[in-house]
Amino acid sequence: GEPAVEVLNTYGQYLWYVSIAMIVGIIAVAWWKAHTGNDKQPP
């Protein structure tokens, strides 16, 4: 109920930072796989 809504409202203040962090993480993982050859096995 309401406690979850309050957490969501607080989270809304930082959501763009979370998305940016995820994008950076995706790029970093892709770069690491490309340079270590660990992309042989499809997830």
PDB file of all heavy atoms in Angstrom:
ATOM      1  N   GLY A   1       0.776  -1.231   0.000  1.00  0.00           N
ATOM      2  CA  GLY A   1       0.000   0.000   0.000  1.00  0.00           C
ATOM      3  C   GLY A   1       0.807   1.280   0.000  1.00  0.00           C
ATOM      4  O   GLY A   1       1.797   1.419  -0.722  1.00  0.00           O
ATOM      5  N   GLU A   2       0.412   2.229   0.829  1.00  0.00           N
ATOM      6  CA  GLU A   2       0.965   3.585   0.811  1.00  0.00           C
ATOM      7  C   GLU A   2       2.473   3.649   1.032  1.00  0.00           C
ATOM      8  O   GLU A   2       3.147   4.472   0.397  1.00  0.00           O
ATOM      9  CB  GLU A   2       0.245   4.447   1.850  1.00  0.00           C
ATOM     10  CG  GLU A   2       0.589   5.927   1.737  1.00  0.00           C
ATOM     11  CD  GLU A   2      -0.293   6.778   2.623  1.00  0.00           C
ATOM     12  OE1 GLU A   2      -1.256   6.234   3.208  1.00  0.00           O
ATOM     13  OE2 GLU A   2      -0.016   7.982   2.737  1.00  0.00           O
ATOM     14  N   PRO A   3       3.064   2.823   1.898  1.00  0.00           N
ATOM     15  CA  PRO A   3       4.528   2.881   2.042  1.00  0.00           C
ATOM     16  C   PRO A   3       5.260   2.653   0.720  1.00  0.00           C
ATOM     17  O   PRO A   3       6.288   3.284   0.455  1.00  0.00           O
ATOM     18  CB  PRO A   3       4.824   1.762   3.052  1.00  0.00           C
ATOM     19  CG  PRO A   3       3.573   1.666   3.856  1.00  0.00           C
ATOM     20  CD  PRO A   3       2.454   1.921   2.884  1.00  0.00           C
ATOM     21  N   ALA A   4       4.729   1.756  -0.118  1.00  0.00           N
ATOM     22  CA  ALA A   4       5.357   1.519  -1.420  1.00  0.00           C
ATOM     23  C   ALA A   4       5.243   2.745  -2.308  1.00  0.00           C
ATOM     24  O   ALA A   4       6.174   3.081  -3.067  1.00  0.00           O
ATOM     25  CB  ALA A   4       4.721   0.316  -2.102  1.00  0.00           C
ATOM     26  N   VAL A   5       4.111   3.443  -2.232  1.00  0.00           N
ATOM     27  CA  VAL A   5       3.924   4.659  -3.021  1.00  0.00           C
ATOM     28  C   VAL A   5       4.907   5.739  -2.570  1.00  0.00           C
ATOM     29  O   VAL A   5       5.481   6.472  -3.389  1.00  0.00           O
ATOM     30  CB  VAL A   5       2.473   5.162  -2.904  1.00  0.00           C
ATOM     31  CG1 VAL A   5       2.296   6.460  -3.697  1.00  0.00           C
ATOM     32  CG2 VAL A   5       1.501   4.101  -3.423  1.00  0.00           C
ATOM     33  N   GLU A   6       5.117   5.849  -1.269  1.00  0.00           N
ATOM     34  CA  GLU A   6       6.067   6.833  -0.753  1.00  0.00           C
ATOM     35  C   GLU A   6       7.484   6.525  -1.209  1.00  0.00           C
ATOM     36  O   GLU A   6       8.253   7.421  -1.567  1.00  0.00           O
ATOM     37  CB  GLU A   6       5.988   6.866   0.772  1.00  0.00           C
ATOM     38  CG  GLU A   6       4.658   7.388   1.306  1.00  0.00           C
ATOM     39  CD  GLU A   6       4.582   7.321   2.814  1.00  0.00           C
ATOM     40  OE1 GLU A   6       5.548   6.807   3.431  1.00  0.00           O
ATOM     41  OE2 GLU A   6       3.569   7.777   3.377  1.00  0.00           O
ATOM     42  N   VAL A   7       7.835   5.233  -1.196  1.00  0.00           N
ATOM     43  CA  VAL A   7       9.160   4.832  -1.691  1.00  0.00           C
ATOM     44  C   VAL A   7       9.299   5.181  -3.167  1.00  0.00           C
ATOM     45  O   VAL A   7      10.342   5.658  -3.621  1.00  0.00           O
ATOM     46  CB  VAL A   7       9.384   3.329  -1.465  1.00  0.00           C
ATOM     47  CG1 VAL A   7      10.652   2.860  -2.172  1.00  0.00           C
ATOM     48  CG2 VAL A   7       9.476   3.027   0.025  1.00  0.00           C
ATOM     49  N   LEU A   8       8.219   4.969  -3.921  1.00  0.00           N
ATOM     50  CA  LEU A   8       8.235   5.281  -5.346  1.00  0.00           C
ATOM     51  C   LEU A   8       8.436   6.781  -5.567  1.00  0.00           C
ATOM     52  O   LEU A   8       9.196   7.182  -6.450  1.00  0.00           O
ATOM     53  CB  LEU A   8       6.935   4.828  -6.002  1.00  0.00           C
ATOM     54  CG  LEU A   8       6.792   5.106  -7.499  1.00  0.00           C
ATOM     55  CD1 LEU A   8       7.840   4.325  -8.282  1.00  0.00           C
ATOM     56  CD2 LEU A   8       5.399   4.727  -7.989  1.00  0.00           C
ATOM     57  N   ASN A   9       7.776   7.590  -4.782  1.00  0.00           N
ATOM     58  CA  ASN A   9       7.932   9.035  -4.922  1.00  0.00           C
ATOM     59  C   ASN A   9       9.361   9.472  -4.608  1.00  0.00           C
ATOM     60  O   ASN A   9       9.921  10.356  -5.278  1.00  0.00           O
ATOM     61  CB  ASN A   9       6.950   9.762  -3.999  1.00  0.00           C
ATOM     62  CG  ASN A   9       5.507   9.577  -4.436  1.00  0.00           C
ATOM     63  OD1 ASN A   9       5.234   9.363  -5.614  1.00  0.00           O
ATOM     64  ND2 ASN A   9       4.579   9.631  -3.483  1.00  0.00           N
ATOM     65  N   THR A  10       9.972   8.857  -3.604  1.00  0.00           N
ATOM     66  CA  THR A  10      11.369   9.165  -3.285  1.00  0.00           C
ATOM     67  C   THR A  10      12.293   8.691  -4.392  1.00  0.00           C
ATOM     68  O   THR A  10      13.233   9.398  -4.791  1.00  0.00           O
ATOM     69  CB  THR A  10      11.766   8.502  -1.954  1.00  0.00           C
ATOM     70  OG1 THR A  10      10.880   8.943  -0.925  1.00  0.00           O
ATOM     71  CG2 THR A  10      13.199   8.845  -1.587  1.00  0.00           C
ATOM     72  N   TYR A  11      12.011   7.502  -4.900  1.00  0.00           N
ATOM     73  CA  TYR A  11      12.821   6.936  -5.985  1.00  0.00           C
ATOM     74  C   TYR A  11      12.779   7.824  -7.223  1.00  0.00           C
ATOM     75  O   TYR A  11      13.766   7.943  -7.957  1.00  0.00           O
ATOM     76  CB  TYR A  11      12.314   5.531  -6.319  1.00  0.00           C
ATOM     77  CG  TYR A  11      12.832   4.966  -7.609  1.00  0.00           C
ATOM     78  CD1 TYR A  11      14.123   4.467  -7.714  1.00  0.00           C
ATOM     79  CD2 TYR A  11      12.018   4.929  -8.749  1.00  0.00           C
ATOM     80  CE1 TYR A  11      14.595   3.948  -8.904  1.00  0.00           C
ATOM     81  CE2 TYR A  11      12.479   4.417  -9.939  1.00  0.00           C
ATOM     82  CZ  TYR A  11      13.768   3.922 -10.019  1.00  0.00           C
ATOM     83  OH  TYR A  11      14.220   3.439 -11.193  1.00  0.00           O
ATOM     84  N   GLY A  12      11.620   8.471  -7.459  1.00  0.00           N
ATOM     85  CA  GLY A  12      11.472   9.318  -8.639  1.00  0.00           C
ATOM     86  C   GLY A  12      12.487  10.449  -8.715  1.00  0.00           C
ATOM     87  O   GLY A  12      12.786  10.960  -9.798  1.00  0.00           O
ATOM     88  N   GLN A  13      13.053  10.833  -7.572  1.00  0.00           N
ATOM     89  CA  GLN A  13      14.034  11.906  -7.565  1.00  0.00           C
ATOM     90  C   GLN A  13      15.381  11.444  -8.130  1.00  0.00           C
ATOM     91  O   GLN A  13      16.224  12.265  -8.494  1.00  0.00           O
ATOM     92  CB  GLN A  13      14.226  12.415  -6.133  1.00  0.00           C
ATOM     93  CG  GLN A  13      12.942  12.910  -5.481  1.00  0.00           C
ATOM     94  CD  GLN A  13      13.145  13.273  -4.023  1.00  0.00           C
ATOM     95  OE1 GLN A  13      14.270  13.467  -3.566  1.00  0.00           O
ATOM     96  NE2 GLN A  13      12.044  13.358  -3.267  1.00  0.00           N
ATOM     97  N   TYR A  14      15.594  10.141  -8.191  1.00  0.00           N
ATOM     98  CA  TYR A  14      16.903   9.620  -8.598  1.00  0.00           C
ATOM     99  C   TYR A  14      16.827   8.706  -9.820  1.00  0.00           C
ATOM    100  O   TYR A  14      17.845   8.126 -10.211  1.00  0.00           O
ATOM    101  CB  TYR A  14      17.523   8.815  -7.439  1.00  0.00           C
ATOM    102  CG  TYR A  14      17.602   9.580  -6.150  1.00  0.00           C
ATOM    103  CD1 TYR A  14      16.633   9.410  -5.165  1.00  0.00           C
ATOM    104  CD2 TYR A  14      18.638  10.482  -5.909  1.00  0.00           C
ATOM    105  CE1 TYR A  14      16.696  10.115  -3.974  1.00  0.00           C
ATOM    106  CE2 TYR A  14      18.712  11.192  -4.722  1.00  0.00           C
ATOM    107  CZ  TYR A  14      17.732  11.009  -3.752  1.00  0.00           C
ATOM    108  OH  TYR A  14      17.798  11.717  -2.579  1.00  0.00           O
ATOM    109  N   LEU A  15      15.651   8.592 -10.430  1.00  0.00           N
ATOM    110  CA  LEU A  15      15.469   7.588 -11.481  1.00  0.00           C
ATOM    111  C   LEU A  15      16.384   7.801 -12.673  1.00  0.00           C
ATOM    112  O   LEU A  15      16.849   6.850 -13.296  1.00  0.00           O
ATOM    113  CB  LEU A  15      14.001   7.538 -11.913  1.00  0.00           C
ATOM    114  CG  LEU A  15      13.304   8.833 -12.367  1.00  0.00           C
ATOM    115  CD1 LEU A  15      13.483   9.086 -13.853  1.00  0.00           C
ATOM    116  CD2 LEU A  15      11.807   8.731 -12.050  1.00  0.00           C
ATOM    117  N   TRP A  16      16.662   9.071 -13.041  1.00  0.00           N
ATOM    118  CA  TRP A  16      17.530   9.312 -14.193  1.00  0.00           C
ATOM    119  C   TRP A  16      18.945   8.817 -13.918  1.00  0.00           C
ATOM    120  O   TRP A  16      19.625   8.309 -14.818  1.00  0.00           O
ATOM    121  CB  TRP A  16      17.541  10.791 -14.551  1.00  0.00           C
ATOM    122  CG  TRP A  16      16.260  11.243 -15.175  1.00  0.00           C
ATOM    123  CD1 TRP A  16      15.292  12.037 -14.631  1.00  0.00           C
ATOM    124  CD2 TRP A  16      15.785  10.907 -16.489  1.00  0.00           C
ATOM    125  NE1 TRP A  16      14.246  12.213 -15.500  1.00  0.00           N
ATOM    126  CE2 TRP A  16      14.517  11.535 -16.652  1.00  0.00           C
ATOM    127  CE3 TRP A  16      16.287  10.126 -17.527  1.00  0.00           C
ATOM    128  CZ2 TRP A  16      13.773  11.416 -17.821  1.00  0.00           C
ATOM    129  CZ3 TRP A  16      15.532  10.002 -18.685  1.00  0.00           C
ATOM    130  CH2 TRP A  16      14.304  10.634 -18.828  1.00  0.00           C
ATOM    131  N   TYR A  17      19.397   8.946 -12.669  1.00  0.00           N
ATOM    132  CA  TYR A  17      20.733   8.459 -12.330  1.00  0.00           C
ATOM    133  C   TYR A  17      20.793   6.933 -12.448  1.00  0.00           C
ATOM    134  O   TYR A  17      21.807   6.374 -12.882  1.00  0.00           O
ATOM    135  CB  TYR A  17      21.105   8.882 -10.904  1.00  0.00           C
ATOM    136  CG  TYR A  17      21.152  10.379 -10.714  1.00  0.00           C
ATOM    137  CD1 TYR A  17      20.120  11.059 -10.074  1.00  0.00           C
ATOM    138  CD2 TYR A  17      22.232  11.129 -11.194  1.00  0.00           C
ATOM    139  CE1 TYR A  17      20.162  12.437  -9.899  1.00  0.00           C
ATOM    140  CE2 TYR A  17      22.277  12.510 -11.029  1.00  0.00           C
ATOM    141  CZ  TYR A  17      21.240  13.156 -10.382  1.00  0.00           C
ATOM    142  OH  TYR A  17      21.285  14.510 -10.221  1.00  0.00           O
ATOM    143  N   VAL A  18      19.722   6.272 -12.070  1.00  0.00           N
ATOM    144  CA  VAL A  18      19.674   4.812 -12.188  1.00  0.00           C
ATOM    145  C   VAL A  18      19.746   4.383 -13.647  1.00  0.00           C
ATOM    146  O   VAL A  18      20.496   3.468 -14.013  1.00  0.00           O
ATOM    147  CB  VAL A  18      18.386   4.265 -11.533  1.00  0.00           C
ATOM    148  CG1 VAL A  18      18.289   2.753 -11.744  1.00  0.00           C
ATOM    149  CG2 VAL A  18      18.354   4.587 -10.047  1.00  0.00           C
ATOM    150  N   SER A  19      18.983   5.068 -14.513  1.00  0.00           N
ATOM    151  CA  SER A  19      18.995   4.727 -15.932  1.00  0.00           C
ATOM    152  C   SER A  19      20.357   4.967 -16.560  1.00  0.00           C
ATOM    153  O   SER A  19      20.856   4.154 -17.348  1.00  0.00           O
ATOM    154  CB  SER A  19      17.932   5.545 -16.674  1.00  0.00           C
ATOM    155  OG  SER A  19      16.636   5.123 -16.298  1.00  0.00           O
ATOM    156  N   ILE A  20      20.975   6.099 -16.210  1.00  0.00           N
ATOM    157  CA  ILE A  20      22.310   6.396 -16.748  1.00  0.00           C
ATOM    158  C   ILE A  20      23.313   5.345 -16.285  1.00  0.00           C
ATOM    159  O   ILE A  20      24.157   4.878 -17.058  1.00  0.00           O
ATOM    160  CB  ILE A  20      22.751   7.815 -16.313  1.00  0.00           C
ATOM    161  CG1 ILE A  20      21.866   8.867 -17.004  1.00  0.00           C
ATOM    162  CG2 ILE A  20      24.221   8.045 -16.656  1.00  0.00           C
ATOM    163  CD1 ILE A  20      22.109  10.278 -16.512  1.00  0.00           C
ATOM    164  N   ALA A  21      23.222   4.939 -15.021  1.00  0.00           N
ATOM    165  CA  ALA A  21      24.128   3.912 -14.505  1.00  0.00           C
ATOM    166  C   ALA A  21      23.940   2.595 -15.249  1.00  0.00           C
ATOM    167  O   ALA A  21      24.916   1.890 -15.551  1.00  0.00           O
ATOM    168  CB  ALA A  21      23.894   3.714 -13.011  1.00  0.00           C
ATOM    169  N   MET A  22      22.698   2.244 -15.580  1.00  0.00           N
ATOM    170  CA  MET A  22      22.431   1.010 -16.311  1.00  0.00           C
ATOM    171  C   MET A  22      22.982   1.071 -17.718  1.00  0.00           C
ATOM    172  O   MET A  22      23.543   0.096 -18.226  1.00  0.00           O
ATOM    173  CB  MET A  22      20.932   0.726 -16.332  1.00  0.00           C
ATOM    174  CG  MET A  22      20.343   0.401 -14.986  1.00  0.00           C
ATOM    175  SD  MET A  22      18.615  -0.123 -15.063  1.00  0.00           S
ATOM    176  CE  MET A  22      18.790  -1.710 -15.885  1.00  0.00           C
ATOM    177  N   ILE A  23      22.850   2.226 -18.383  1.00  0.00           N
ATOM    178  CA  ILE A  23      23.388   2.377 -19.733  1.00  0.00           C
ATOM    179  C   ILE A  23      24.905   2.228 -19.723  1.00  0.00           C
ATOM    180  O   ILE A  23      25.497   1.543 -20.570  1.00  0.00           O
ATOM    181  CB  ILE A  23      22.973   3.740 -20.329  1.00  0.00           C
ATOM    182  CG1 ILE A  23      21.456   3.770 -20.552  1.00  0.00           C
ATOM    183  CG2 ILE A  23      23.705   4.004 -21.637  1.00  0.00           C
ATOM    184  CD1 ILE A  23      20.945   5.123 -20.983  1.00  0.00           C
ATOM    185  N   VAL A  24      25.544   2.880 -18.749  1.00  0.00           N
ATOM    186  CA  VAL A  24      27.006   2.766 -18.622  1.00  0.00           C
ATOM    187  C   VAL A  24      27.395   1.314 -18.369  1.00  0.00           C
ATOM    188  O   VAL A  24      28.373   0.800 -18.934  1.00  0.00           O
ATOM    189  CB  VAL A  24      27.512   3.681 -17.492  1.00  0.00           C
ATOM    190  CG1 VAL A  24      28.995   3.423 -17.228  1.00  0.00           C
ATOM    191  CG2 VAL A  24      27.297   5.149 -17.852  1.00  0.00           C
ATOM    192  N   GLY A  25      26.620   0.626 -17.528  1.00  0.00           N
ATOM    193  CA  GLY A  25      26.912  -0.770 -17.247  1.00  0.00           C
ATOM    194  C   GLY A  25      26.777  -1.661 -18.475  1.00  0.00           C
ATOM    195  O   GLY A  25      27.598  -2.547 -18.702  1.00  0.00           O
ATOM    196  N   ILE A  26      25.737  -1.420 -19.293  1.00  0.00           N
ATOM    197  CA  ILE A  26      25.549  -2.195 -20.521  1.00  0.00           C
ATOM    198  C   ILE A  26      26.726  -2.004 -21.468  1.00  0.00           C
ATOM    199  O   ILE A  26      27.258  -2.957 -22.047  1.00  0.00           O
ATOM    200  CB  ILE A  26      24.233  -1.788 -21.208  1.00  0.00           C
ATOM    201  CG1 ILE A  26      23.034  -2.229 -20.359  1.00  0.00           C
ATOM    202  CG2 ILE A  26      24.140  -2.408 -22.612  1.00  0.00           C
ATOM    203  CD1 ILE A  26      21.715  -1.698 -20.868  1.00  0.00           C
ATOM    204  N   ILE A  27      27.151  -0.754 -21.635  1.00  0.00           N
ATOM    205  CA  ILE A  27      28.282  -0.458 -22.516  1.00  0.00           C
ATOM    206  C   ILE A  27      29.558  -1.104 -21.992  1.00  0.00           C
ATOM    207  O   ILE A  27      30.346  -1.682 -22.754  1.00  0.00           O
ATOM    208  CB  ILE A  27      28.456   1.066 -22.657  1.00  0.00           C
ATOM    209  CG1 ILE A  27      27.237   1.679 -23.360  1.00  0.00           C
ATOM    210  CG2 ILE A  27      29.737   1.394 -23.432  1.00  0.00           C
ATOM    211  CD1 ILE A  27      27.263   3.186 -23.414  1.00  0.00           C
ATOM    212  N   ALA A  28      29.772  -1.035 -20.668  1.00  0.00           N
ATOM    213  CA  ALA A  28      30.982  -1.608 -20.076  1.00  0.00           C
ATOM    214  C   ALA A  28      31.015  -3.126 -20.247  1.00  0.00           C
ATOM    215  O   ALA A  28      32.055  -3.698 -20.589  1.00  0.00           O
ATOM    216  CB  ALA A  28      31.045  -1.242 -18.595  1.00  0.00           C
ATOM    217  N   VAL A  29      29.874  -3.789 -20.036  1.00  0.00           N
ATOM    218  CA  VAL A  29      29.818  -5.251 -20.194  1.00  0.00           C
ATOM    219  C   VAL A  29      30.060  -5.646 -21.648  1.00  0.00           C
ATOM    220  O   VAL A  29      30.789  -6.603 -21.942  1.00  0.00           O
ATOM    221  CB  VAL A  29      28.459  -5.781 -19.701  1.00  0.00           C
ATOM    222  CG1 VAL A  29      28.284  -7.247 -20.089  1.00  0.00           C
ATOM    223  CG2 VAL A  29      28.336  -5.622 -18.197  1.00  0.00           C
ATOM    224  N   ALA A  30      29.462  -4.893 -22.594  1.00  0.00           N
ATOM    225  CA  ALA A  30      29.662  -5.188 -24.013  1.00  0.00           C
ATOM    226  C   ALA A  30      31.124  -5.019 -24.396  1.00  0.00           C
ATOM    227  O   ALA A  30      31.686  -5.830 -25.149  1.00  0.00           O
ATOM    228  CB  ALA A  30      28.776  -4.277 -24.859  1.00  0.00           C
ATOM    229  N   TRP A  31      31.767  -3.959 -23.886  1.00  0.00           N
ATOM    230  CA  TRP A  31      33.195  -3.729 -24.189  1.00  0.00           C
ATOM    231  C   TRP A  31      34.045  -4.842 -23.608  1.00  0.00           C
ATOM    232  O   TRP A  31      34.943  -5.348 -24.267  1.00  0.00           O
ATOM    233  CB  TRP A  31      33.616  -2.389 -23.598  1.00  0.00           C
ATOM    234  CG  TRP A  31      35.062  -2.067 -23.839  1.00  0.00           C
ATOM    235  CD1 TRP A  31      35.610  -1.424 -24.906  1.00  0.00           C
ATOM    236  CD2 TRP A  31      36.177  -2.414 -22.983  1.00  0.00           C
ATOM    237  NE1 TRP A  31      36.972  -1.334 -24.779  1.00  0.00           N
ATOM    238  CE2 TRP A  31      37.356  -1.932 -23.609  1.00  0.00           C
ATOM    239  CE3 TRP A  31      36.283  -3.060 -21.762  1.00  0.00           C
ATOM    240  CZ2 TRP A  31      38.604  -2.089 -23.044  1.00  0.00           C
ATOM    241  CZ3 TRP A  31      37.541  -3.234 -21.199  1.00  0.00           C
ATOM    242  CH2 TRP A  31      38.676  -2.746 -21.836  1.00  0.00           C
ATOM    243  N   TRP A  32      33.733  -5.260 -22.368  1.00  0.00           N
ATOM    244  CA  TRP A  32      34.516  -6.305 -21.722  1.00  0.00           C
ATOM    245  C   TRP A  32      34.399  -7.624 -22.474  1.00  0.00           C
ATOM    246  O   TRP A  32      35.383  -8.324 -22.692  1.00  0.00           O
ATOM    247  CB  TRP A  32      34.041  -6.476 -20.281  1.00  0.00           C
ATOM    248  CG  TRP A  32      34.785  -7.537 -19.533  1.00  0.00           C
ATOM    249  CD1 TRP A  32      36.040  -7.463 -19.007  1.00  0.00           C
ATOM    250  CD2 TRP A  32      34.323  -8.853 -19.235  1.00  0.00           C
ATOM    251  NE1 TRP A  32      36.379  -8.640 -18.398  1.00  0.00           N
ATOM    252  CE2 TRP A  32      35.354  -9.504 -18.515  1.00  0.00           C
ATOM    253  CE3 TRP A  32      33.129  -9.525 -19.485  1.00  0.00           C
ATOM    254  CZ2 TRP A  32      35.214 -10.816 -18.061  1.00  0.00           C
ATOM    255  CZ3 TRP A  32      33.006 -10.824 -19.031  1.00  0.00           C
ATOM    256  CH2 TRP A  32      34.036 -11.452 -18.325  1.00  0.00           C
ATOM    257  N   LYS A  33      33.167  -7.973 -22.908  1.00  0.00           N
ATOM    258  CA  LYS A  33      32.974  -9.216 -23.658  1.00  0.00           C
ATOM    259  C   LYS A  33      33.695  -9.180 -24.999  1.00  0.00           C
ATOM    260  O   LYS A  33      34.264 -10.176 -25.439  1.00  0.00           O
ATOM    261  CB  LYS A  33      31.480  -9.469 -23.861  1.00  0.00           C
ATOM    262  CG  LYS A  33      30.748  -9.905 -22.607  1.00  0.00           C
ATOM    263  CD  LYS A  33      29.303 -10.248 -22.909  1.00  0.00           C
ATOM    264  CE  LYS A  33      28.601 -10.789 -21.673  1.00  0.00           C
ATOM    265  NZ  LYS A  33      27.206 -11.164 -21.957  1.00  0.00           N
ATOM    266  N   ALA A  34      33.652  -8.008 -25.659  1.00  0.00           N
ATOM    267  CA  ALA A  34      34.305  -7.884 -26.963  1.00  0.00           C
ATOM    268  C   ALA A  34      35.813  -8.035 -26.859  1.00  0.00           C
ATOM    269  O   ALA A  34      36.465  -8.511 -27.791  1.00  0.00           O
ATOM    270  CB  ALA A  34      33.946  -6.547 -27.595  1.00  0.00           C
ATOM    271  N   HIS A  35      36.403  -7.625 -25.726  1.00  0.00           N
ATOM    272  CA  HIS A  35      37.861  -7.650 -25.584  1.00  0.00           C
ATOM    273  C   HIS A  35      38.378  -8.883 -24.856  1.00  0.00           C
ATOM    274  O   HIS A  35      39.585  -9.107 -24.804  1.00  0.00           O
ATOM    275  CB  HIS A  35      38.331  -6.395 -24.842  1.00  0.00           C
ATOM    276  CG  HIS A  35      38.272  -5.147 -25.674  1.00  0.00           C
ATOM    277  ND1 HIS A  35      37.088  -4.497 -25.973  1.00  0.00           N
ATOM    278  CD2 HIS A  35      39.258  -4.447 -26.310  1.00  0.00           C
ATOM    279  CE1 HIS A  35      37.346  -3.441 -26.722  1.00  0.00           C
ATOM    280  NE2 HIS A  35      38.632  -3.384 -26.955  1.00  0.00           N
ATOM    281  N   THR A  36      37.475  -9.690 -24.299  1.00  0.00           N
ATOM    282  CA  THR A  36      37.912 -10.901 -23.620  1.00  0.00           C
ATOM    283  C   THR A  36      37.424 -12.163 -24.298  1.00  0.00           C
ATOM    284  O   THR A  36      37.796 -13.265 -23.907  1.00  0.00           O
ATOM    285  CB  THR A  36      37.419 -10.912 -22.158  1.00  0.00           C
ATOM    286  OG1 THR A  36      35.982 -10.818 -22.139  1.00  0.00           O
ATOM    287  CG2 THR A  36      38.006  -9.741 -21.385  1.00  0.00           C
ATOM    288  N   GLY A  37      36.563 -11.993 -25.335  1.00  0.00           N
ATOM    289  CA  GLY A  37      36.051 -13.163 -26.057  1.00  0.00           C
ATOM    290  C   GLY A  37      35.036 -13.953 -25.279  1.00  0.00           C
ATOM    291  O   GLY A  37      34.816 -15.135 -25.548  1.00  0.00           O
ATOM    292  N   ASN A  38      34.383 -13.317 -24.290  1.00  0.00           N
ATOM    293  CA  ASN A  38      33.392 -14.017 -23.482  1.00  0.00           C
ATOM    294  C   ASN A  38      31.985 -13.891 -24.020  1.00  0.00           C
ATOM    295  O   ASN A  38      31.015 -14.075 -23.295  1.00  0.00           O
ATOM    296  CB  ASN A  38      33.420 -13.482 -22.041  1.00  0.00           C
ATOM    297  CG  ASN A  38      34.661 -13.929 -21.305  1.00  0.00           C
ATOM    298  OD1 ASN A  38      35.235 -14.959 -21.624  1.00  0.00           O
ATOM    299  ND2 ASN A  38      35.076 -13.139 -20.331  1.00  0.00           N
ATOM    300  N   ASP A  39      31.862 -13.545 -25.299  1.00  0.00           N
ATOM    301  CA  ASP A  39      30.538 -13.417 -25.900  1.00  0.00           C
ATOM    302  C   ASP A  39      30.199 -14.617 -26.777  1.00  0.00           C
ATOM    303  O   ASP A  39      29.330 -14.555 -27.619  1.00  0.00           O
ATOM    304  CB  ASP A  39      30.450 -12.134 -26.732  1.00  0.00           C
ATOM    305  CG  ASP A  39      31.525 -12.074 -27.808  1.00  0.00           C
ATOM    306  OD1 ASP A  39      32.471 -12.872 -27.732  1.00  0.00           O
ATOM    307  OD2 ASP A  39      31.407 -11.219 -28.706  1.00  0.00           O
ATOM    308  N   LYS A  40      30.896 -15.722 -26.566  1.00  0.00           N
ATOM    309  CA  LYS A  40      30.683 -16.902 -27.399  1.00  0.00           C
ATOM    310  C   LYS A  40      29.367 -17.596 -27.079  1.00  0.00           C
ATOM    311  O   LYS A  40      28.761 -18.211 -27.932  1.00  0.00           O
ATOM    312  CB  LYS A  40      31.843 -17.893 -27.212  1.00  0.00           C
ATOM    313  CG  LYS A  40      33.211 -17.305 -27.582  1.00  0.00           C
ATOM    314  CD  LYS A  40      33.308 -16.954 -29.043  1.00  0.00           C
ATOM    315  CE  LYS A  40      34.707 -16.458 -29.425  1.00  0.00           C
ATOM    316  NZ  LYS A  40      34.800 -16.069 -30.820  1.00  0.00           N
ATOM    317  N   GLN A  41      28.944 -17.537 -25.821  1.00  0.00           N
ATOM    318  CA  GLN A  41      27.749 -18.261 -25.394  1.00  0.00           C
ATOM    319  C   GLN A  41      26.575 -17.318 -25.276  1.00  0.00           C
ATOM    320  O   GLN A  41      26.561 -16.435 -24.436  1.00  0.00           O
ATOM    321  CB  GLN A  41      28.012 -18.927 -24.045  1.00  0.00           C
ATOM    322  CG  GLN A  41      26.821 -19.734 -23.545  1.00  0.00           C
ATOM    323  CD  GLN A  41      27.102 -20.340 -22.190  1.00  0.00           C
ATOM    324  OE1 GLN A  41      28.233 -20.533 -21.817  1.00  0.00           O
ATOM    325  NE2 GLN A  41      26.048 -20.633 -21.461  1.00  0.00           N
ATOM    326  N   PRO A  42      25.547 -17.448 -26.133  1.00  0.00           N
ATOM    327  CA  PRO A  42      24.396 -16.561 -26.060  1.00  0.00           C
ATOM    328  C   PRO A  42      23.659 -16.750 -24.749  1.00  0.00           C
ATOM    329  O   PRO A  42      23.529 -17.863 -24.250  1.00  0.00           O
ATOM    330  CB  PRO A  42      23.522 -17.012 -27.252  1.00  0.00           C
ATOM    331  CG  PRO A  42      24.421 -17.844 -28.098  1.00  0.00           C
ATOM    332  CD  PRO A  42      25.434 -18.441 -27.188  1.00  0.00           C
ATOM    333  N   PRO A  43      23.195 -15.655 -24.123  1.00  0.00           N
ATOM    334  CA  PRO A  43      22.458 -15.797 -22.883  1.00  0.00           C
ATOM    335  C   PRO A  43      21.086 -16.394 -23.101  1.00  0.00           C
ATOM    336  O   PRO A  43      20.485 -16.209 -24.146  1.00  0.00           O
ATOM    337  CB  PRO A  43      22.354 -14.333 -22.388  1.00  0.00           C
ATOM    338  CG  PRO A  43      22.421 -13.513 -23.643  1.00  0.00           C
ATOM    339  CD  PRO A  43      23.320 -14.266 -24.575  1.00  0.00           C
TER     340      PRO A  43
END
